[in-house]
Each structure stands twice: as structure tokens, then as C-alpha cells.
Amino acid sequence: MEKIKAFGICLYKKNKDSIKVLLCKSIISQHRWGFLKGVALPDETQEETAMREFYEESSIKVDKKYLEDFFIQKNEFKNIGIYLVNSKNIDNLEDFFKEDRLKNIYVSSENSEVKFFKIDQLPLIKKKQSFLTEDIITFLK
């Protein structure tokens, strides 16, 4: 049986005082967070999946030229791949947020909340993304 493949984006903000990453909490998740991502469609590249899913879950468009480093966590049934994207490359990003929270009108029906977290104050992360998150945080530091 072929594994499910899911791809998404880790949007990050970096300034001299802190680094933040954008995470979501799905409707079905009680208290664990993860990156905005989803399952690849047939004949869709991993980049196309990442950009489409990120847009579907946040209403924020990302141009392929801004996809940076790629990280993957291989799991028993679902492999998850995440691209880094620097928030400075997104035009009018501040219009989508209020105090680091994605405004409700942009949150997809799949998620209950989407927000930026400082990397030294992350919430509980979904198990299928825990090693992936550690790798990304280590890289961003």
C-alpha cells in the first residue's frame, strides 16, 4: 500500500528579537497544532500541493519562487513535507492577521484556529509532525 503524501508551508517571521512560525489547530484536534498542509491530488507536484493547501487553509497566496528549504517526516501511513516561506515575501500579510491570529474570515472550515507562535513558546505539536517541527525550528535558529 502506498503511503499518503501531504505537503504544506511553514510561514515564518524573523526579526532581531524573535522567530515565529504559523501553526493551525484542526477542528478535530483537541489541543495539538501543526503546519497548514494537505494531501496531494493526482498528478499534482508537491510544490503545487503545498501552495494550494496553504491557500485553502489561510486565503494567503504564495508564489513558487518563495518556497525555500524542504523538510519531511516519514510516518507509518502518511509522509508530511513542509516548505519554509519567509513572511517578508507575502504582500499585505498584515491584512490577514490581528495580533498574530489569522482573522476568522480567512480560517478554513478544517481549522479552529491559525496563529503565529514564538519558536521558544510552541504549543503541543501533532505527533506526525513532531520531528519535522524540531528540524524546522533547529534550522531557523
N, C-alpha and C. Protein backbone atom coordinates (compact mmCIF):
# COMPACT_ATOMS: atom_id res chain seq x y z
N MET A 1 0.84 -1.19 0.00
CA MET A 1 0.00 0.00 0.00
C MET A 1 0.89 1.25 0.00
N GLU A 2 0.59 2.19 -0.91
CA GLU A 2 1.37 3.42 -1.00
C GLU A 2 0.96 4.37 0.12
N LYS A 3 1.94 5.04 0.68
CA LYS A 3 1.67 5.98 1.76
C LYS A 3 0.99 7.23 1.23
N ILE A 4 0.18 7.83 2.07
CA ILE A 4 -0.42 9.13 1.78
C ILE A 4 0.69 10.16 1.84
N LYS A 5 0.64 11.13 0.94
CA LYS A 5 1.63 12.19 0.94
C LYS A 5 0.92 13.51 1.13
N ALA A 6 1.37 14.27 2.13
CA ALA A 6 0.79 15.58 2.41
C ALA A 6 1.90 16.62 2.39
N PHE A 7 1.58 17.79 1.87
CA PHE A 7 2.57 18.86 1.76
C PHE A 7 1.96 20.17 2.21
N GLY A 8 2.81 21.04 2.74
CA GLY A 8 2.34 22.33 3.20
C GLY A 8 3.46 23.32 3.35
N ILE A 9 3.15 24.38 4.06
CA ILE A 9 4.08 25.50 4.21
C ILE A 9 4.21 25.89 5.67
N CYS A 10 5.45 26.18 6.05
CA CYS A 10 5.73 26.80 7.35
C CYS A 10 6.07 28.26 7.04
N LEU A 11 5.11 29.14 7.26
CA LEU A 11 5.35 30.57 7.11
C LEU A 11 6.03 31.03 8.39
N TYR A 12 7.15 31.73 8.25
CA TYR A 12 7.86 32.18 9.43
C TYR A 12 8.15 33.67 9.36
N LYS A 13 8.25 34.26 10.56
CA LYS A 13 8.63 35.66 10.72
C LYS A 13 9.91 35.68 11.52
N LYS A 14 10.88 36.42 11.02
CA LYS A 14 12.16 36.51 11.71
C LYS A 14 12.49 37.98 11.89
N ASN A 15 12.76 38.36 13.14
CA ASN A 15 13.29 39.70 13.39
C ASN A 15 14.39 39.58 14.43
N LYS A 16 14.96 40.68 14.83
CA LYS A 16 16.11 40.61 15.74
C LYS A 16 15.75 40.06 17.11
N ASP A 17 14.48 40.14 17.51
CA ASP A 17 14.07 39.71 18.84
C ASP A 17 13.50 38.29 18.90
N SER A 18 12.91 37.83 17.79
CA SER A 18 12.26 36.52 17.86
C SER A 18 12.06 35.91 16.47
N ILE A 19 11.73 34.64 16.49
CA ILE A 19 11.32 33.91 15.29
C ILE A 19 9.96 33.30 15.62
N LYS A 20 9.01 33.46 14.70
CA LYS A 20 7.67 32.91 14.87
C LYS A 20 7.33 32.04 13.68
N VAL A 21 6.52 31.00 13.93
CA VAL A 21 6.01 30.14 12.86
C VAL A 21 4.50 30.09 12.93
N LEU A 22 3.89 29.95 11.77
CA LEU A 22 2.43 29.88 11.68
C LEU A 22 1.99 28.42 11.82
N LEU A 23 1.08 28.17 12.76
CA LEU A 23 0.55 26.84 13.01
C LEU A 23 -0.97 26.88 13.02
N CYS A 24 -1.58 25.71 12.81
CA CYS A 24 -3.04 25.62 12.86
C CYS A 24 -3.45 24.50 13.81
N LYS A 25 -4.66 24.66 14.32
CA LYS A 25 -5.28 23.60 15.13
C LYS A 25 -6.53 23.19 14.38
N SER A 26 -6.58 21.93 13.98
CA SER A 26 -7.72 21.47 13.19
C SER A 26 -8.96 21.36 14.07
N ILE A 27 -10.09 21.30 13.42
CA ILE A 27 -11.38 21.17 14.12
C ILE A 27 -11.40 19.92 14.99
N ILE A 28 -10.82 18.83 14.49
CA ILE A 28 -10.88 17.56 15.24
C ILE A 28 -9.81 17.44 16.32
N SER A 29 -8.83 18.33 16.29
CA SER A 29 -7.75 18.27 17.27
C SER A 29 -8.19 18.94 18.57
N GLN A 30 -7.95 18.27 19.65
CA GLN A 30 -8.29 18.82 20.96
C GLN A 30 -7.33 19.93 21.37
N HIS A 31 -6.04 19.66 21.25
CA HIS A 31 -5.06 20.63 21.73
C HIS A 31 -3.70 20.52 21.04
N ARG A 32 -3.63 19.82 19.93
CA ARG A 32 -2.36 19.70 19.21
C ARG A 32 -2.39 20.54 17.93
N TRP A 33 -1.25 21.10 17.61
CA TRP A 33 -1.12 22.03 16.49
C TRP A 33 -0.20 21.45 15.42
N GLY A 34 -0.28 22.00 14.22
CA GLY A 34 0.59 21.57 13.13
C GLY A 34 0.65 22.62 12.04
N PHE A 35 1.37 22.30 10.98
CA PHE A 35 1.51 23.22 9.86
C PHE A 35 0.29 23.13 8.95
N LEU A 36 0.06 24.17 8.19
CA LEU A 36 -1.04 24.18 7.22
C LEU A 36 -0.59 23.32 6.05
N LYS A 37 -1.30 22.24 5.81
CA LYS A 37 -0.90 21.25 4.81
C LYS A 37 -2.10 20.41 4.41
N GLY A 38 -1.89 19.61 3.37
CA GLY A 38 -2.95 18.71 2.94
C GLY A 38 -2.43 17.68 1.96
N VAL A 39 -3.32 16.80 1.57
CA VAL A 39 -2.99 15.65 0.73
C VAL A 39 -2.88 16.07 -0.74
N ALA A 40 -1.88 15.51 -1.40
CA ALA A 40 -1.65 15.78 -2.82
C ALA A 40 -2.77 15.17 -3.66
N LEU A 41 -3.17 15.92 -4.68
CA LEU A 41 -4.12 15.42 -5.67
C LEU A 41 -3.36 14.63 -6.73
N PRO A 42 -4.05 13.76 -7.47
CA PRO A 42 -3.36 13.03 -8.54
C PRO A 42 -2.69 14.00 -9.52
N ASP A 43 -1.50 13.68 -9.95
CA ASP A 43 -0.74 14.47 -10.92
C ASP A 43 -0.37 15.88 -10.44
N GLU A 44 -0.42 16.11 -9.15
CA GLU A 44 -0.06 17.41 -8.58
C GLU A 44 1.35 17.28 -8.00
N THR A 45 2.20 18.27 -8.26
CA THR A 45 3.55 18.23 -7.66
C THR A 45 3.46 18.57 -6.18
N GLN A 46 4.51 18.26 -5.46
CA GLN A 46 4.50 18.58 -4.02
C GLN A 46 4.46 20.08 -3.80
N GLU A 47 5.10 20.85 -4.67
CA GLU A 47 5.05 22.32 -4.55
C GLU A 47 3.64 22.83 -4.78
N GLU A 48 2.98 22.31 -5.81
CA GLU A 48 1.59 22.72 -6.10
C GLU A 48 0.67 22.38 -4.94
N THR A 49 0.86 21.19 -4.37
CA THR A 49 0.04 20.79 -3.22
C THR A 49 0.25 21.74 -2.05
N ALA A 50 1.51 22.03 -1.75
CA ALA A 50 1.83 22.91 -0.61
C ALA A 50 1.18 24.27 -0.78
N MET A 51 1.32 24.86 -1.96
CA MET A 51 0.77 26.19 -2.21
C MET A 51 -0.77 26.18 -2.20
N ARG A 52 -1.36 25.16 -2.82
CA ARG A 52 -2.82 25.06 -2.85
C ARG A 52 -3.39 24.88 -1.45
N GLU A 53 -2.84 23.96 -0.71
CA GLU A 53 -3.35 23.68 0.63
C GLU A 53 -3.17 24.89 1.56
N PHE A 54 -2.03 25.55 1.46
CA PHE A 54 -1.80 26.73 2.29
C PHE A 54 -2.84 27.80 1.96
N TYR A 55 -3.11 27.99 0.68
CA TYR A 55 -4.12 28.97 0.28
C TYR A 55 -5.51 28.56 0.76
N GLU A 56 -5.87 27.30 0.60
CA GLU A 56 -7.19 26.82 1.04
C GLU A 56 -7.40 27.01 2.54
N GLU A 57 -6.33 26.88 3.31
CA GLU A 57 -6.46 26.96 4.76
C GLU A 57 -6.22 28.35 5.35
N SER A 58 -5.72 29.29 4.51
CA SER A 58 -5.43 30.61 5.05
C SER A 58 -5.86 31.78 4.15
N SER A 59 -6.20 31.50 2.91
CA SER A 59 -6.51 32.53 1.90
C SER A 59 -5.28 33.34 1.50
N ILE A 60 -4.11 32.88 1.86
CA ILE A 60 -2.86 33.57 1.54
C ILE A 60 -2.18 32.86 0.37
N LYS A 61 -1.95 33.61 -0.70
CA LYS A 61 -1.27 33.05 -1.88
C LYS A 61 0.24 33.15 -1.71
N VAL A 62 0.92 32.07 -2.09
CA VAL A 62 2.38 32.02 -2.04
C VAL A 62 2.87 31.68 -3.45
N ASP A 63 3.78 32.47 -3.96
CA ASP A 63 4.38 32.21 -5.26
C ASP A 63 5.46 31.14 -5.11
N LYS A 64 5.54 30.25 -6.08
CA LYS A 64 6.51 29.14 -6.03
C LYS A 64 7.94 29.63 -5.81
N LYS A 65 8.28 30.81 -6.33
CA LYS A 65 9.66 31.30 -6.19
C LYS A 65 10.04 31.58 -4.74
N TYR A 66 9.04 31.65 -3.84
CA TYR A 66 9.34 31.93 -2.43
C TYR A 66 9.45 30.66 -1.58
N LEU A 67 9.24 29.49 -2.19
CA LEU A 67 9.42 28.24 -1.45
C LEU A 67 10.91 28.06 -1.20
N GLU A 68 11.27 27.90 0.06
CA GLU A 68 12.67 27.77 0.44
C GLU A 68 13.00 26.31 0.73
N ASP A 69 13.65 26.07 1.84
CA ASP A 69 14.07 24.72 2.22
C ASP A 69 12.88 23.81 2.44
N PHE A 70 13.11 22.51 2.23
CA PHE A 70 12.07 21.50 2.33
C PHE A 70 12.44 20.50 3.44
N PHE A 71 11.45 20.15 4.26
CA PHE A 71 11.64 19.21 5.36
C PHE A 71 10.57 18.14 5.26
N ILE A 72 10.92 16.91 5.66
CA ILE A 72 9.94 15.82 5.58
C ILE A 72 10.00 14.97 6.84
N GLN A 73 8.84 14.49 7.25
CA GLN A 73 8.76 13.49 8.32
C GLN A 73 8.04 12.29 7.75
N LYS A 74 8.73 11.16 7.75
CA LYS A 74 8.14 9.93 7.25
C LYS A 74 7.48 9.20 8.40
N ASN A 75 6.20 8.90 8.22
CA ASN A 75 5.42 8.21 9.23
C ASN A 75 4.90 6.90 8.66
N GLU A 76 4.31 6.09 9.50
CA GLU A 76 3.86 4.76 9.06
C GLU A 76 2.87 4.84 7.89
N PHE A 77 1.89 5.72 7.97
CA PHE A 77 0.86 5.78 6.93
C PHE A 77 0.87 7.06 6.11
N LYS A 78 1.44 8.13 6.65
CA LYS A 78 1.41 9.42 5.97
C LYS A 78 2.73 10.14 6.12
N ASN A 79 3.36 10.45 4.98
CA ASN A 79 4.57 11.27 4.99
C ASN A 79 4.17 12.72 4.82
N ILE A 80 4.80 13.61 5.58
CA ILE A 80 4.45 15.02 5.56
C ILE A 80 5.67 15.84 5.18
N GLY A 81 5.52 16.65 4.14
CA GLY A 81 6.60 17.52 3.68
C GLY A 81 6.20 18.98 3.80
N ILE A 82 7.12 19.78 4.30
CA ILE A 82 6.84 21.21 4.55
C ILE A 82 7.94 22.07 3.94
N TYR A 83 7.51 23.12 3.24
CA TYR A 83 8.42 24.13 2.71
C TYR A 83 8.43 25.34 3.64
N LEU A 84 9.59 25.94 3.79
CA LEU A 84 9.69 27.20 4.51
C LEU A 84 9.38 28.35 3.56
N VAL A 85 8.67 29.37 4.09
CA VAL A 85 8.41 30.59 3.34
C VAL A 85 8.56 31.75 4.31
N ASN A 86 9.40 32.71 3.95
CA ASN A 86 9.62 33.89 4.77
C ASN A 86 8.44 34.85 4.60
N SER A 87 7.85 35.28 5.70
CA SER A 87 6.67 36.15 5.65
C SER A 87 6.94 37.47 4.95
N LYS A 88 8.19 37.91 4.90
CA LYS A 88 8.50 39.19 4.25
C LYS A 88 8.21 39.14 2.75
N ASN A 89 8.07 37.94 2.20
CA ASN A 89 7.78 37.79 0.77
C ASN A 89 6.29 37.81 0.44
N ILE A 90 5.45 37.93 1.45
CA ILE A 90 3.99 37.92 1.24
C ILE A 90 3.48 39.35 1.31
N ASP A 91 2.95 39.84 0.19
CA ASP A 91 2.41 41.20 0.16
C ASP A 91 1.19 41.33 1.06
N ASN A 92 1.12 42.42 1.80
CA ASN A 92 -0.04 42.76 2.64
C ASN A 92 -0.40 41.66 3.65
N LEU A 93 0.59 40.96 4.13
CA LEU A 93 0.33 39.87 5.08
C LEU A 93 -0.43 40.36 6.31
N GLU A 94 -0.10 41.57 6.77
CA GLU A 94 -0.73 42.10 7.98
C GLU A 94 -2.25 42.23 7.83
N ASP A 95 -2.76 42.32 6.60
CA ASP A 95 -4.21 42.42 6.39
C ASP A 95 -4.95 41.14 6.79
N PHE A 96 -4.25 40.02 6.81
CA PHE A 96 -4.85 38.73 7.14
C PHE A 96 -4.88 38.44 8.64
N PHE A 97 -4.14 39.22 9.42
CA PHE A 97 -3.94 38.90 10.83
C PHE A 97 -4.37 40.03 11.75
N LYS A 98 -4.74 39.62 12.96
CA LYS A 98 -4.94 40.55 14.06
C LYS A 98 -4.16 39.97 15.23
N GLU A 99 -3.11 40.68 15.62
CA GLU A 99 -2.26 40.24 16.75
C GLU A 99 -1.82 38.79 16.59
N ASP A 100 -1.23 38.48 15.46
CA ASP A 100 -0.66 37.15 15.16
C ASP A 100 -1.68 36.04 14.97
N ARG A 101 -2.96 36.34 15.00
CA ARG A 101 -4.01 35.35 14.72
C ARG A 101 -4.60 35.62 13.34
N LEU A 102 -4.76 34.57 12.56
CA LEU A 102 -5.43 34.71 11.28
C LEU A 102 -6.87 35.11 11.56
N LYS A 103 -7.33 36.16 10.89
CA LYS A 103 -8.71 36.61 11.09
C LYS A 103 -9.68 35.50 10.72
N ASN A 104 -10.76 35.40 11.48
CA ASN A 104 -11.72 34.31 11.30
C ASN A 104 -12.24 34.18 9.88
N ILE A 105 -12.38 35.29 9.17
CA ILE A 105 -12.92 35.21 7.81
C ILE A 105 -11.98 34.46 6.86
N TYR A 106 -10.72 34.29 7.25
CA TYR A 106 -9.75 33.59 6.41
C TYR A 106 -9.46 32.16 6.88
N VAL A 107 -9.93 31.79 8.06
CA VAL A 107 -9.68 30.45 8.59
C VAL A 107 -10.60 29.46 7.89
N SER A 108 -10.03 28.39 7.35
CA SER A 108 -10.84 27.39 6.65
C SER A 108 -11.71 26.62 7.64
N SER A 109 -12.71 25.96 7.10
CA SER A 109 -13.62 25.18 7.95
C SER A 109 -12.92 23.96 8.55
N GLU A 110 -11.72 23.62 8.05
CA GLU A 110 -10.95 22.49 8.59
C GLU A 110 -10.26 22.83 9.91
N ASN A 111 -10.07 24.12 10.16
CA ASN A 111 -9.29 24.54 11.33
C ASN A 111 -10.14 25.35 12.30
N SER A 112 -9.79 25.24 13.57
CA SER A 112 -10.47 26.06 14.58
C SER A 112 -9.68 27.33 14.87
N GLU A 113 -8.36 27.29 14.58
CA GLU A 113 -7.51 28.44 14.88
C GLU A 113 -6.22 28.35 14.07
N VAL A 114 -5.72 29.53 13.66
CA VAL A 114 -4.44 29.62 12.95
C VAL A 114 -3.71 30.83 13.53
N LYS A 115 -2.49 30.62 14.01
CA LYS A 115 -1.76 31.74 14.60
C LYS A 115 -0.26 31.53 14.58
N PHE A 116 0.47 32.64 14.74
CA PHE A 116 1.91 32.61 14.86
C PHE A 116 2.30 32.33 16.31
N PHE A 117 3.33 31.50 16.48
CA PHE A 117 3.90 31.21 17.79
C PHE A 117 5.39 31.48 17.77
N LYS A 118 5.90 32.05 18.85
CA LYS A 118 7.35 32.16 19.00
C LYS A 118 7.91 30.74 19.10
N ILE A 119 9.06 30.51 18.49
CA ILE A 119 9.58 29.14 18.46
C ILE A 119 10.01 28.63 19.83
N ASP A 120 10.19 29.52 20.79
CA ASP A 120 10.52 29.06 22.14
C ASP A 120 9.28 28.95 23.02
N GLN A 121 8.09 29.12 22.42
CA GLN A 121 6.83 29.01 23.16
C GLN A 121 5.79 28.25 22.34
N LEU A 122 6.22 27.16 21.71
CA LEU A 122 5.31 26.39 20.85
C LEU A 122 4.30 25.62 21.68
N PRO A 123 3.10 25.45 21.14
CA PRO A 123 2.09 24.61 21.80
C PRO A 123 2.42 23.14 21.55
N LEU A 124 1.57 22.24 22.03
CA LEU A 124 1.73 20.81 21.73
C LEU A 124 1.60 20.61 20.23
N ILE A 125 2.50 19.85 19.65
CA ILE A 125 2.53 19.62 18.21
C ILE A 125 2.01 18.21 17.93
N LYS A 126 1.29 18.06 16.81
CA LYS A 126 0.79 16.75 16.39
C LYS A 126 1.96 15.78 16.27
N LYS A 127 1.75 14.54 16.72
CA LYS A 127 2.83 13.55 16.73
C LYS A 127 3.42 13.31 15.35
N LYS A 128 2.58 13.29 14.32
CA LYS A 128 3.06 13.04 12.97
C LYS A 128 3.89 14.19 12.41
N GLN A 129 4.00 15.29 13.17
CA GLN A 129 4.79 16.43 12.73
C GLN A 129 5.84 16.84 13.77
N SER A 130 6.00 16.06 14.82
CA SER A 130 6.87 16.47 15.93
C SER A 130 8.34 16.55 15.52
N PHE A 131 8.86 15.54 14.82
CA PHE A 131 10.27 15.56 14.42
C PHE A 131 10.50 16.61 13.33
N LEU A 132 9.53 16.73 12.46
CA LEU A 132 9.56 17.73 11.41
C LEU A 132 9.66 19.13 12.01
N THR A 133 8.84 19.39 13.01
CA THR A 133 8.84 20.69 13.69
C THR A 133 10.19 20.95 14.35
N GLU A 134 10.73 19.94 15.02
CA GLU A 134 12.05 20.10 15.66
C GLU A 134 13.12 20.44 14.63
N ASP A 135 13.10 19.76 13.48
CA ASP A 135 14.09 20.03 12.43
C ASP A 135 13.95 21.47 11.91
N ILE A 136 12.73 21.91 11.70
CA ILE A 136 12.49 23.26 11.18
C ILE A 136 12.94 24.30 12.19
N ILE A 137 12.60 24.11 13.45
CA ILE A 137 12.97 25.08 14.49
C ILE A 137 14.48 25.16 14.62
N THR A 138 15.15 24.02 14.63
CA THR A 138 16.60 23.99 14.70
C THR A 138 17.21 24.74 13.51
N PHE A 139 16.66 24.53 12.33
CA PHE A 139 17.16 25.21 11.13
C PHE A 139 16.97 26.71 11.21
N LEU A 140 15.80 27.15 11.69
CA LEU A 140 15.50 28.59 11.75
C LEU A 140 16.34 29.34 12.78
N LYS A 141 16.76 28.63 13.83
CA LYS A 141 17.56 29.30 14.87
C LYS A 141 18.88 29.69 14.27
